[in-house]
Amino acid sequence: MAKLELIRLLTPAFRVSCPDVFVKRVVQVEVKDSGCYICTALFSGFEVQDGCTIVKAPASWPEKDQAKWNAIVAQCNKVAIDALKKPLKDLDREIYSLPFHRGEEMEDDGYGPGVAYFTMSAKNRRPQIVARDGTTPIVQGGADEFYAGCYARASVTPFAFNNKGKGIALGLNNLQKLGEGQRLDAFPSAEDDFGADSATEPGSR
């Protein structure tokens, strides 16, 4: 039997949101082993018409990035036709879970008109994360090194599912951190909390 080819596609650069890529996020507490590694990718520069983001590769993007975005959309469409017998555009969001979303659907920092986003997940294998050079693994620092607000790109695999719901999703393979950015999670560091207030020795009062 021929080995099934795993389609792996690279995303354009994106801003990271809601990453749980070192420890699994528990989705359903009552269900054993329901956790998964998750990361949301925020892409900016999309055209906005009448307050609505047009989820189409922006002409302002480099041609290479447009090609990457279009390849992901095309593969999602192929998976939808093969598994659900309908193209993406004909899938009702009231029935199917779909990967691509407009930024105005969320009110959190980093979202809004002109932004499109999708969430990637991995259940059985923690994604590897490498530095900008593409080879050096990020193994130290954890969530302080790869955080909501930094910039990255990912390797993804579109797939269809039909269990407790049905639709098209993006499997998360691996991640590459590209640069720093202003944090989106609003979590202060320990230095922010304690750095300006010198501690006294215990029992010195």
N, C-alpha and C. Protein backbone atom coordinates (compact mmCIF):
# COMPACT_ATOMS: atom_id res chain seq x y z
N MET A 1 0.85 -1.20 0.00
CA MET A 1 0.00 0.00 0.00
C MET A 1 0.88 1.25 0.00
N ALA A 2 0.57 2.18 -0.85
CA ALA A 2 1.36 3.41 -0.93
C ALA A 2 1.21 4.23 0.34
N LYS A 3 2.31 4.81 0.75
CA LYS A 3 2.30 5.64 1.95
C LYS A 3 1.55 6.93 1.68
N LEU A 4 0.65 7.30 2.61
CA LEU A 4 -0.13 8.51 2.45
C LEU A 4 0.78 9.73 2.59
N GLU A 5 0.75 10.60 1.60
CA GLU A 5 1.59 11.79 1.63
C GLU A 5 0.98 12.84 2.55
N LEU A 6 1.79 13.33 3.46
CA LEU A 6 1.33 14.37 4.38
C LEU A 6 1.62 15.73 3.77
N ILE A 7 0.58 16.48 3.50
CA ILE A 7 0.74 17.82 2.93
C ILE A 7 1.18 18.77 4.03
N ARG A 8 2.32 19.39 3.84
CA ARG A 8 2.85 20.34 4.82
C ARG A 8 3.05 21.67 4.10
N LEU A 9 2.39 22.71 4.57
CA LEU A 9 2.44 24.02 3.94
C LEU A 9 2.99 25.05 4.91
N LEU A 10 3.79 25.97 4.40
CA LEU A 10 4.32 27.05 5.23
C LEU A 10 3.40 28.26 5.17
N THR A 11 3.19 28.88 6.32
CA THR A 11 2.39 30.09 6.38
C THR A 11 3.27 31.31 6.11
N PRO A 12 2.65 32.44 5.74
CA PRO A 12 3.38 33.70 5.79
C PRO A 12 3.68 34.03 7.26
N ALA A 13 4.49 35.05 7.48
CA ALA A 13 4.78 35.50 8.84
C ALA A 13 3.49 36.01 9.49
N PHE A 14 3.34 35.75 10.79
CA PHE A 14 2.16 36.19 11.51
C PHE A 14 2.52 36.60 12.93
N ARG A 15 1.58 37.27 13.56
CA ARG A 15 1.73 37.62 14.97
C ARG A 15 1.06 36.53 15.80
N VAL A 16 1.73 36.09 16.82
CA VAL A 16 1.26 34.97 17.63
C VAL A 16 0.20 35.44 18.63
N SER A 17 -0.85 34.66 18.78
CA SER A 17 -1.88 34.92 19.78
C SER A 17 -2.25 33.60 20.46
N CYS A 18 -2.51 33.66 21.76
CA CYS A 18 -3.01 32.52 22.54
C CYS A 18 -2.19 31.24 22.33
N PRO A 19 -0.85 31.30 22.49
CA PRO A 19 -0.08 30.08 22.26
C PRO A 19 -0.06 29.17 23.49
N ASP A 20 -0.36 27.91 23.27
CA ASP A 20 -0.13 26.85 24.25
C ASP A 20 0.66 25.78 23.52
N VAL A 21 1.96 26.00 23.37
CA VAL A 21 2.78 25.13 22.54
C VAL A 21 3.85 24.38 23.34
N PHE A 22 3.86 24.59 24.66
CA PHE A 22 4.79 23.86 25.51
C PHE A 22 4.05 22.85 26.39
N VAL A 23 2.84 23.20 26.77
CA VAL A 23 1.97 22.32 27.55
C VAL A 23 0.60 22.32 26.87
N LYS A 24 -0.03 21.16 26.81
CA LYS A 24 -1.32 21.05 26.14
C LYS A 24 -2.39 21.88 26.85
N ARG A 25 -3.24 22.52 26.07
CA ARG A 25 -4.42 23.18 26.60
C ARG A 25 -5.53 22.15 26.75
N VAL A 26 -6.11 22.05 27.94
CA VAL A 26 -7.19 21.10 28.17
C VAL A 26 -8.48 21.68 27.61
N VAL A 27 -9.08 20.96 26.68
CA VAL A 27 -10.28 21.44 26.00
C VAL A 27 -11.53 21.06 26.77
N GLN A 28 -11.61 19.80 27.19
CA GLN A 28 -12.76 19.31 27.94
C GLN A 28 -12.25 18.57 29.16
N VAL A 29 -12.43 19.16 30.35
CA VAL A 29 -11.88 18.60 31.58
C VAL A 29 -12.40 17.19 31.82
N GLU A 30 -13.67 16.96 31.48
CA GLU A 30 -14.29 15.67 31.78
C GLU A 30 -13.88 14.58 30.79
N VAL A 31 -13.21 14.93 29.72
CA VAL A 31 -12.81 13.95 28.71
C VAL A 31 -11.32 13.68 28.83
N LYS A 32 -10.96 12.42 29.01
CA LYS A 32 -9.57 12.04 29.16
C LYS A 32 -8.79 12.34 27.89
N ASP A 33 -7.59 12.88 28.06
CA ASP A 33 -6.69 13.17 26.94
C ASP A 33 -7.34 14.05 25.87
N SER A 34 -8.06 15.08 26.34
CA SER A 34 -8.70 15.99 25.38
C SER A 34 -7.84 17.22 25.08
N GLY A 35 -6.65 17.27 25.67
CA GLY A 35 -5.80 18.44 25.48
C GLY A 35 -5.11 18.45 24.13
N CYS A 36 -4.67 19.64 23.72
CA CYS A 36 -3.91 19.76 22.48
C CYS A 36 -3.05 21.01 22.53
N TYR A 37 -2.03 21.03 21.70
CA TYR A 37 -1.18 22.20 21.56
C TYR A 37 -1.85 23.14 20.56
N ILE A 38 -1.90 24.41 20.90
CA ILE A 38 -2.68 25.37 20.11
C ILE A 38 -1.90 26.67 19.91
N CYS A 39 -2.07 27.26 18.75
CA CYS A 39 -1.52 28.60 18.48
C CYS A 39 -2.40 29.28 17.44
N THR A 40 -2.76 30.53 17.70
CA THR A 40 -3.53 31.32 16.75
C THR A 40 -2.60 32.27 16.00
N ALA A 41 -2.79 32.36 14.69
CA ALA A 41 -1.96 33.20 13.83
C ALA A 41 -2.75 34.41 13.35
N LEU A 42 -2.23 35.62 13.61
CA LEU A 42 -2.87 36.86 13.20
C LEU A 42 -2.12 37.44 12.00
N PHE A 43 -2.84 37.65 10.91
CA PHE A 43 -2.26 38.21 9.68
C PHE A 43 -2.87 39.58 9.42
N SER A 44 -2.07 40.56 9.13
CA SER A 44 -2.56 41.92 8.93
C SER A 44 -2.40 42.35 7.47
N GLY A 45 -3.02 43.49 7.15
CA GLY A 45 -2.90 44.06 5.81
C GLY A 45 -4.05 43.74 4.88
N PHE A 46 -5.11 43.11 5.40
CA PHE A 46 -6.23 42.73 4.55
C PHE A 46 -7.12 43.94 4.25
N GLU A 47 -7.73 43.92 3.09
CA GLU A 47 -8.63 44.99 2.68
C GLU A 47 -9.91 44.95 3.54
N VAL A 48 -10.42 46.14 3.85
CA VAL A 48 -11.66 46.25 4.62
C VAL A 48 -12.68 47.02 3.78
N GLN A 49 -13.86 46.44 3.63
CA GLN A 49 -14.95 47.08 2.90
C GLN A 49 -16.17 47.16 3.79
N ASP A 50 -16.64 48.39 4.04
CA ASP A 50 -17.80 48.62 4.89
C ASP A 50 -17.65 47.94 6.25
N GLY A 51 -16.45 48.03 6.79
CA GLY A 51 -16.19 47.48 8.12
C GLY A 51 -15.97 45.98 8.15
N CYS A 52 -15.93 45.34 6.97
CA CYS A 52 -15.79 43.88 6.89
C CYS A 52 -14.46 43.52 6.23
N THR A 53 -13.67 42.72 6.91
CA THR A 53 -12.39 42.29 6.37
C THR A 53 -12.58 41.31 5.22
N ILE A 54 -11.92 41.56 4.11
CA ILE A 54 -11.98 40.66 2.96
C ILE A 54 -10.84 39.64 3.10
N VAL A 55 -11.21 38.39 3.36
CA VAL A 55 -10.20 37.36 3.62
C VAL A 55 -9.66 36.82 2.30
N LYS A 56 -8.83 37.64 1.68
CA LYS A 56 -8.17 37.33 0.42
C LYS A 56 -6.75 37.87 0.51
N ALA A 57 -5.78 37.11 0.06
CA ALA A 57 -4.38 37.52 0.19
C ALA A 57 -4.19 38.96 -0.27
N PRO A 58 -3.72 39.84 0.60
CA PRO A 58 -3.56 41.26 0.23
C PRO A 58 -2.57 41.46 -0.90
N ALA A 59 -2.92 42.36 -1.81
CA ALA A 59 -2.02 42.68 -2.92
C ALA A 59 -0.74 43.34 -2.43
N SER A 60 -0.80 43.93 -1.21
CA SER A 60 0.37 44.60 -0.65
C SER A 60 1.41 43.61 -0.13
N TRP A 61 1.03 42.36 0.04
CA TRP A 61 1.98 41.35 0.50
C TRP A 61 2.97 41.01 -0.61
N PRO A 62 4.17 40.57 -0.24
CA PRO A 62 5.09 40.04 -1.25
C PRO A 62 4.45 38.85 -1.98
N GLU A 63 4.78 38.67 -3.24
CA GLU A 63 4.19 37.59 -4.02
C GLU A 63 4.40 36.23 -3.37
N LYS A 64 5.55 36.03 -2.72
CA LYS A 64 5.84 34.77 -2.05
C LYS A 64 4.84 34.49 -0.95
N ASP A 65 4.49 35.53 -0.18
CA ASP A 65 3.53 35.35 0.91
C ASP A 65 2.11 35.16 0.38
N GLN A 66 1.77 35.87 -0.69
CA GLN A 66 0.47 35.65 -1.32
C GLN A 66 0.34 34.20 -1.78
N ALA A 67 1.41 33.66 -2.36
CA ALA A 67 1.39 32.28 -2.85
C ALA A 67 1.21 31.30 -1.69
N LYS A 68 1.85 31.57 -0.56
CA LYS A 68 1.71 30.68 0.60
C LYS A 68 0.27 30.69 1.12
N TRP A 69 -0.30 31.89 1.25
CA TRP A 69 -1.68 32.00 1.73
C TRP A 69 -2.63 31.28 0.77
N ASN A 70 -2.47 31.53 -0.52
CA ASN A 70 -3.35 30.92 -1.51
C ASN A 70 -3.22 29.40 -1.53
N ALA A 71 -2.01 28.90 -1.27
CA ALA A 71 -1.81 27.45 -1.24
C ALA A 71 -2.56 26.82 -0.07
N ILE A 72 -2.57 27.49 1.08
CA ILE A 72 -3.30 26.98 2.25
C ILE A 72 -4.79 26.98 1.97
N VAL A 73 -5.29 28.08 1.40
CA VAL A 73 -6.72 28.16 1.08
C VAL A 73 -7.10 27.07 0.07
N ALA A 74 -6.26 26.89 -0.95
CA ALA A 74 -6.55 25.90 -1.98
C ALA A 74 -6.58 24.48 -1.41
N GLN A 75 -5.64 24.18 -0.50
CA GLN A 75 -5.62 22.84 0.08
C GLN A 75 -6.81 22.63 1.01
N CYS A 76 -7.20 23.67 1.77
CA CYS A 76 -8.40 23.57 2.60
C CYS A 76 -9.63 23.31 1.73
N ASN A 77 -9.68 23.98 0.59
CA ASN A 77 -10.80 23.80 -0.33
C ASN A 77 -10.82 22.37 -0.88
N LYS A 78 -9.64 21.84 -1.22
CA LYS A 78 -9.55 20.47 -1.73
C LYS A 78 -10.02 19.47 -0.68
N VAL A 79 -9.57 19.67 0.57
CA VAL A 79 -9.97 18.78 1.66
C VAL A 79 -11.48 18.84 1.86
N ALA A 80 -12.05 20.05 1.79
CA ALA A 80 -13.49 20.20 1.96
C ALA A 80 -14.26 19.45 0.88
N ILE A 81 -13.81 19.57 -0.36
CA ILE A 81 -14.49 18.88 -1.47
C ILE A 81 -14.36 17.37 -1.32
N ASP A 82 -13.16 16.90 -0.96
CA ASP A 82 -12.93 15.46 -0.83
C ASP A 82 -13.73 14.86 0.33
N ALA A 83 -13.75 15.56 1.47
CA ALA A 83 -14.34 14.98 2.68
C ALA A 83 -15.80 15.36 2.89
N LEU A 84 -16.15 16.59 2.53
CA LEU A 84 -17.50 17.09 2.82
C LEU A 84 -18.33 17.32 1.56
N LYS A 85 -17.72 17.08 0.41
CA LYS A 85 -18.41 17.15 -0.89
C LYS A 85 -18.89 18.55 -1.24
N LYS A 86 -18.28 19.55 -0.62
CA LYS A 86 -18.61 20.95 -0.91
C LYS A 86 -17.35 21.79 -0.84
N PRO A 87 -17.24 22.83 -1.67
CA PRO A 87 -16.11 23.76 -1.52
C PRO A 87 -16.30 24.61 -0.27
N LEU A 88 -15.22 25.21 0.19
CA LEU A 88 -15.27 26.03 1.40
C LEU A 88 -16.37 27.07 1.36
N LYS A 89 -16.51 27.75 0.23
CA LYS A 89 -17.45 28.86 0.14
C LYS A 89 -18.89 28.42 0.33
N ASP A 90 -19.17 27.13 0.15
CA ASP A 90 -20.54 26.63 0.28
C ASP A 90 -20.81 26.00 1.65
N LEU A 91 -19.83 26.01 2.55
CA LEU A 91 -20.01 25.42 3.87
C LEU A 91 -20.60 26.45 4.83
N ASP A 92 -21.71 26.14 5.41
CA ASP A 92 -22.42 27.03 6.33
C ASP A 92 -21.75 27.02 7.69
N ARG A 93 -21.33 28.21 8.16
CA ARG A 93 -20.66 28.31 9.46
C ARG A 93 -21.57 27.91 10.62
N GLU A 94 -22.87 27.90 10.38
CA GLU A 94 -23.79 27.45 11.43
C GLU A 94 -23.71 25.94 11.62
N ILE A 95 -23.17 25.26 10.62
CA ILE A 95 -23.10 23.80 10.65
C ILE A 95 -21.65 23.31 10.75
N TYR A 96 -20.77 23.96 10.01
CA TYR A 96 -19.38 23.52 9.92
C TYR A 96 -18.43 24.50 10.64
N SER A 97 -17.39 23.93 11.22
CA SER A 97 -16.31 24.75 11.78
C SER A 97 -15.29 24.99 10.68
N LEU A 98 -14.97 26.25 10.41
CA LEU A 98 -14.07 26.62 9.31
C LEU A 98 -12.85 27.34 9.87
N PRO A 99 -11.72 27.25 9.18
CA PRO A 99 -10.47 27.76 9.75
C PRO A 99 -10.27 29.27 9.68
N PHE A 100 -10.79 29.93 8.65
CA PHE A 100 -10.44 31.34 8.43
C PHE A 100 -11.47 32.27 9.07
N HIS A 101 -10.97 33.30 9.79
CA HIS A 101 -11.84 34.22 10.51
C HIS A 101 -11.41 35.66 10.28
N ARG A 102 -12.38 36.57 10.40
CA ARG A 102 -12.11 38.00 10.29
C ARG A 102 -11.75 38.57 11.66
N GLY A 103 -10.83 39.52 11.67
CA GLY A 103 -10.37 40.09 12.94
C GLY A 103 -11.45 40.74 13.75
N GLU A 104 -12.50 41.28 13.09
CA GLU A 104 -13.56 41.96 13.83
C GLU A 104 -14.44 40.99 14.62
N GLU A 105 -14.22 39.69 14.44
CA GLU A 105 -14.97 38.71 15.22
C GLU A 105 -14.50 38.65 16.67
N MET A 106 -13.33 39.22 16.93
CA MET A 106 -12.75 39.21 18.28
C MET A 106 -12.47 40.65 18.73
N GLU A 107 -12.55 40.88 20.03
CA GLU A 107 -12.29 42.20 20.57
C GLU A 107 -10.94 42.29 21.29
N ASP A 108 -10.19 41.21 21.31
CA ASP A 108 -8.92 41.19 22.02
C ASP A 108 -7.86 42.01 21.28
N ASP A 109 -6.80 42.39 22.01
CA ASP A 109 -5.69 43.13 21.40
C ASP A 109 -5.08 42.32 20.26
N GLY A 110 -4.78 43.02 19.17
CA GLY A 110 -4.16 42.39 18.02
C GLY A 110 -5.14 42.01 16.93
N TYR A 111 -6.42 41.94 17.29
CA TYR A 111 -7.45 41.59 16.32
C TYR A 111 -8.07 42.89 15.77
N GLY A 112 -9.18 42.78 15.05
CA GLY A 112 -9.86 43.95 14.53
C GLY A 112 -9.91 43.96 13.02
N PRO A 113 -10.60 44.95 12.42
CA PRO A 113 -10.69 45.04 10.95
C PRO A 113 -9.30 45.09 10.30
N GLY A 114 -9.17 44.43 9.17
CA GLY A 114 -7.89 44.39 8.48
C GLY A 114 -7.02 43.22 8.88
N VAL A 115 -7.49 42.46 9.87
CA VAL A 115 -6.76 41.27 10.34
C VAL A 115 -7.57 40.03 10.01
N ALA A 116 -6.90 39.00 9.53
CA ALA A 116 -7.51 37.68 9.37
C ALA A 116 -6.71 36.72 10.25
N TYR A 117 -7.39 35.69 10.75
CA TYR A 117 -6.67 34.77 11.64
C TYR A 117 -7.19 33.35 11.49
N PHE A 118 -6.33 32.42 11.87
CA PHE A 118 -6.76 31.03 12.02
C PHE A 118 -6.01 30.40 13.18
N THR A 119 -6.60 29.36 13.73
CA THR A 119 -6.02 28.64 14.86
C THR A 119 -5.52 27.29 14.39
N MET A 120 -4.32 26.94 14.83
CA MET A 120 -3.69 25.67 14.47
C MET A 120 -3.58 24.81 15.72
N SER A 121 -3.67 23.51 15.57
CA SER A 121 -3.61 22.65 16.75
C SER A 121 -2.91 21.34 16.43
N ALA A 122 -2.36 20.72 17.48
CA ALA A 122 -1.71 19.41 17.37
C ALA A 122 -2.07 18.62 18.62
N LYS A 123 -2.52 17.41 18.44
CA LYS A 123 -2.97 16.61 19.57
C LYS A 123 -1.90 15.65 20.10
N ASN A 124 -1.23 14.97 19.22
CA ASN A 124 -0.36 13.87 19.64
C ASN A 124 1.12 14.23 19.76
N ARG A 125 1.53 15.32 19.16
CA ARG A 125 2.95 15.65 19.13
C ARG A 125 3.16 17.14 19.37
N ARG A 126 4.01 17.46 20.33
CA ARG A 126 4.30 18.88 20.58
C ARG A 126 5.09 19.45 19.41
N PRO A 127 4.66 20.60 18.89
CA PRO A 127 5.40 21.19 17.77
C PRO A 127 6.81 21.60 18.18
N GLN A 128 7.75 21.37 17.31
CA GLN A 128 9.10 21.87 17.54
C GLN A 128 9.11 23.36 17.21
N ILE A 129 9.94 24.12 17.92
CA ILE A 129 10.06 25.56 17.67
C ILE A 129 11.53 25.87 17.44
N VAL A 130 11.83 26.51 16.32
CA VAL A 130 13.20 26.88 16.02
C VAL A 130 13.31 28.40 15.93
N ALA A 131 14.54 28.88 16.04
CA ALA A 131 14.83 30.31 15.96
C ALA A 131 14.82 30.77 14.51
N ARG A 132 15.10 32.05 14.31
CA ARG A 132 15.03 32.65 12.97
C ARG A 132 15.97 31.97 11.98
N ASP A 133 17.09 31.39 12.46
CA ASP A 133 18.02 30.74 11.55
C ASP A 133 17.47 29.44 10.97
N GLY A 134 16.33 28.98 11.51
CA GLY A 134 15.67 27.79 10.97
C GLY A 134 16.18 26.47 11.49
N THR A 135 17.22 26.51 12.33
CA THR A 135 17.80 25.25 12.82
C THR A 135 17.95 25.20 14.34
N THR A 136 18.23 26.34 14.96
CA THR A 136 18.47 26.34 16.41
C THR A 136 17.17 26.16 17.17
N PRO A 137 17.02 25.07 17.93
CA PRO A 137 15.76 24.84 18.65
C PRO A 137 15.61 25.81 19.83
N ILE A 138 14.39 26.24 20.06
CA ILE A 138 14.08 27.04 21.23
C ILE A 138 13.62 26.08 22.32
N VAL A 139 14.52 25.79 23.25
CA VAL A 139 14.21 24.81 24.30
C VAL A 139 14.19 25.45 25.68
N GLN A 140 14.69 26.67 25.79
CA GLN A 140 14.69 27.37 27.06
C GLN A 140 13.81 28.61 26.95
N GLY A 141 13.34 29.06 28.09
CA GLY A 141 12.52 30.27 28.11
C GLY A 141 11.04 29.99 28.07
N GLY A 142 10.65 28.89 27.41
CA GLY A 142 9.25 28.49 27.38
C GLY A 142 8.34 29.61 26.91
N ALA A 143 7.28 29.84 27.68
CA ALA A 143 6.28 30.83 27.32
C ALA A 143 6.83 32.25 27.37
N ASP A 144 7.96 32.48 28.01
CA ASP A 144 8.57 33.81 28.00
C ASP A 144 9.33 34.05 26.71
N GLU A 145 9.67 33.00 26.01
CA GLU A 145 10.41 33.12 24.75
C GLU A 145 9.47 33.11 23.55
N PHE A 146 8.45 32.26 23.60
CA PHE A 146 7.47 32.19 22.51
C PHE A 146 6.12 32.58 23.11
N TYR A 147 5.69 33.81 22.87
CA TYR A 147 4.59 34.41 23.63
C TYR A 147 3.61 35.12 22.70
N ALA A 148 2.43 35.43 23.22
CA ALA A 148 1.44 36.19 22.47
C ALA A 148 1.99 37.58 22.16
N GLY A 149 2.17 37.88 20.89
CA GLY A 149 2.72 39.17 20.47
C GLY A 149 4.00 39.04 19.68
N CYS A 150 4.72 37.92 19.84
CA CYS A 150 5.92 37.74 19.03
C CYS A 150 5.53 37.36 17.60
N TYR A 151 6.50 37.31 16.72
CA TYR A 151 6.22 37.01 15.31
C TYR A 151 6.81 35.65 14.94
N ALA A 152 6.09 34.93 14.09
CA ALA A 152 6.50 33.57 13.76
C ALA A 152 5.93 33.17 12.41
N ARG A 153 6.25 31.98 12.00
CA ARG A 153 5.56 31.32 10.90
C ARG A 153 5.44 29.85 11.27
N ALA A 154 4.62 29.12 10.54
CA ALA A 154 4.34 27.74 10.93
C ALA A 154 4.26 26.82 9.72
N SER A 155 4.40 25.55 9.99
CA SER A 155 4.13 24.50 9.02
C SER A 155 2.79 23.88 9.39
N VAL A 156 1.84 23.83 8.46
CA VAL A 156 0.49 23.37 8.77
C VAL A 156 0.03 22.30 7.77
N THR A 157 -0.95 21.54 8.21
CA THR A 157 -1.58 20.52 7.37
C THR A 157 -3.09 20.63 7.49
N PRO A 158 -3.80 21.04 6.44
CA PRO A 158 -5.27 21.10 6.49
C PRO A 158 -5.86 19.69 6.56
N PHE A 159 -6.93 19.53 7.35
CA PHE A 159 -7.61 18.24 7.44
C PHE A 159 -9.08 18.46 7.76
N ALA A 160 -9.87 17.43 7.47
CA ALA A 160 -11.30 17.46 7.78
C ALA A 160 -11.55 16.63 9.03
N PHE A 161 -12.58 16.98 9.79
CA PHE A 161 -12.95 16.20 10.96
C PHE A 161 -14.46 16.06 11.02
N ASN A 162 -14.88 14.99 11.66
CA ASN A 162 -16.31 14.72 11.82
C ASN A 162 -16.49 13.83 13.04
N ASN A 163 -16.44 14.48 14.23
CA ASN A 163 -16.64 13.74 15.47
C ASN A 163 -17.76 14.40 16.26
N LYS A 164 -17.39 15.23 17.25
CA LYS A 164 -18.44 15.97 17.96
C LYS A 164 -18.92 17.17 17.16
N GLY A 165 -18.16 17.54 16.18
CA GLY A 165 -18.54 18.57 15.22
C GLY A 165 -17.94 18.16 13.89
N LYS A 166 -18.09 18.99 12.89
CA LYS A 166 -17.49 18.66 11.60
C LYS A 166 -17.04 19.94 10.92
N GLY A 167 -16.00 19.79 10.13
CA GLY A 167 -15.49 20.96 9.44
C GLY A 167 -14.07 20.75 8.94
N ILE A 168 -13.38 21.86 8.73
CA ILE A 168 -12.01 21.87 8.24
C ILE A 168 -11.14 22.59 9.28
N ALA A 169 -9.96 22.03 9.54
CA ALA A 169 -9.06 22.62 10.53
C ALA A 169 -7.64 22.58 10.00
N LEU A 170 -6.74 23.24 10.73
CA LEU A 170 -5.33 23.28 10.35
C LEU A 170 -4.50 22.59 11.43
N GLY A 171 -3.85 21.50 11.06
CA GLY A 171 -2.96 20.82 11.98
C GLY A 171 -1.65 21.57 12.09
N LEU A 172 -1.15 21.70 13.32
CA LEU A 172 0.10 22.42 13.57
C LEU A 172 1.25 21.43 13.59
N ASN A 173 2.21 21.62 12.70
CA ASN A 173 3.38 20.74 12.64
C ASN A 173 4.54 21.32 13.45
N ASN A 174 5.08 22.44 12.97
CA ASN A 174 6.22 23.07 13.65
C ASN A 174 6.13 24.59 13.54
N LEU A 175 6.94 25.27 14.34
CA LEU A 175 6.92 26.73 14.39
C LEU A 175 8.34 27.29 14.28
N GLN A 176 8.43 28.47 13.70
CA GLN A 176 9.70 29.20 13.65
C GLN A 176 9.47 30.61 14.17
N LYS A 177 10.18 30.97 15.23
CA LYS A 177 10.06 32.33 15.75
C LYS A 177 10.89 33.27 14.88
N LEU A 178 10.26 34.39 14.47
CA LEU A 178 10.93 35.33 13.57
C LEU A 178 11.37 36.62 14.25
N GLY A 179 10.69 37.00 15.33
CA GLY A 179 11.06 38.26 15.97
C GLY A 179 10.22 38.56 17.18
N GLU A 180 10.63 39.61 17.89
CA GLU A 180 9.92 40.03 19.09
C GLU A 180 8.78 40.98 18.73
N GLY A 181 7.87 41.18 19.66
CA GLY A 181 6.76 42.10 19.47
C GLY A 181 6.16 42.47 20.83
N GLN A 182 5.35 43.50 20.83
CA GLN A 182 4.69 43.90 22.07
C GLN A 182 3.74 42.80 22.52
N ARG A 183 3.81 42.44 23.78
CA ARG A 183 2.99 41.35 24.29
C ARG A 183 1.51 41.68 24.16
N LEU A 184 0.73 40.65 23.82
CA LEU A 184 -0.71 40.80 23.70
C LEU A 184 -1.46 40.24 24.90
N ASP A 185 -0.76 39.48 25.75
CA ASP A 185 -1.46 38.81 26.85
C ASP A 185 -1.58 39.64 28.11
N ALA A 186 -0.92 40.79 28.17
CA ALA A 186 -1.03 41.73 29.29
C ALA A 186 -0.52 41.16 30.60
N PHE A 187 0.23 40.04 30.55
CA PHE A 187 0.78 39.49 31.77
C PHE A 187 2.07 40.23 32.13
N PRO A 188 2.14 40.85 33.32
CA PRO A 188 3.38 41.52 33.71
C PRO A 188 4.45 40.50 34.07
N SER A 189 5.70 40.88 33.89
CA SER A 189 6.79 40.00 34.30
C SER A 189 7.03 40.17 35.79
N ALA A 190 7.78 39.24 36.38
CA ALA A 190 8.13 39.35 37.79
C ALA A 190 8.94 40.62 38.04
N GLU A 191 9.77 41.01 37.06
CA GLU A 191 10.55 42.24 37.18
C GLU A 191 9.63 43.46 37.26
N ASP A 192 8.55 43.45 36.45
CA ASP A 192 7.60 44.55 36.49
C ASP A 192 6.96 44.67 37.88
N ASP A 193 6.67 43.54 38.50
CA ASP A 193 5.99 43.55 39.80
C ASP A 193 6.91 43.95 40.94
N PHE A 194 8.15 43.43 40.93
CA PHE A 194 9.00 43.56 42.12
C PHE A 194 10.25 44.41 41.92
N GLY A 195 10.60 44.72 40.66
CA GLY A 195 11.88 45.36 40.40
C GLY A 195 12.06 46.73 41.05
N ALA A 196 10.97 47.51 41.15
CA ALA A 196 11.08 48.87 41.68
C ALA A 196 10.94 48.92 43.21
N ASP A 197 10.67 47.80 43.84
CA ASP A 197 10.46 47.77 45.29
C ASP A 197 11.41 46.78 45.91
N SER A 198 12.52 47.27 46.45
CA SER A 198 13.54 46.38 47.03
C SER A 198 12.97 45.64 48.23
N ALA A 199 13.33 44.37 48.33
CA ALA A 199 12.80 43.52 49.40
C ALA A 199 13.63 43.66 50.66
N THR A 200 13.00 43.51 51.80
CA THR A 200 13.69 43.48 53.07
C THR A 200 13.91 42.04 53.47
N GLU A 201 14.94 41.81 54.30
CA GLU A 201 15.23 40.47 54.76
C GLU A 201 14.11 39.97 55.67
N PRO A 202 13.70 38.67 55.51
CA PRO A 202 12.68 38.13 56.41
C PRO A 202 13.11 38.25 57.87
N GLY A 203 12.20 38.68 58.71
CA GLY A 203 12.48 38.81 60.14
C GLY A 203 13.18 40.09 60.53
N SER A 204 13.39 41.00 59.55
CA SER A 204 14.10 42.24 59.87
C SER A 204 13.16 43.33 60.38
N ARG A 205 11.85 43.07 60.29
CA ARG A 205 10.92 44.08 60.78
C ARG A 205 10.72 43.95 62.30
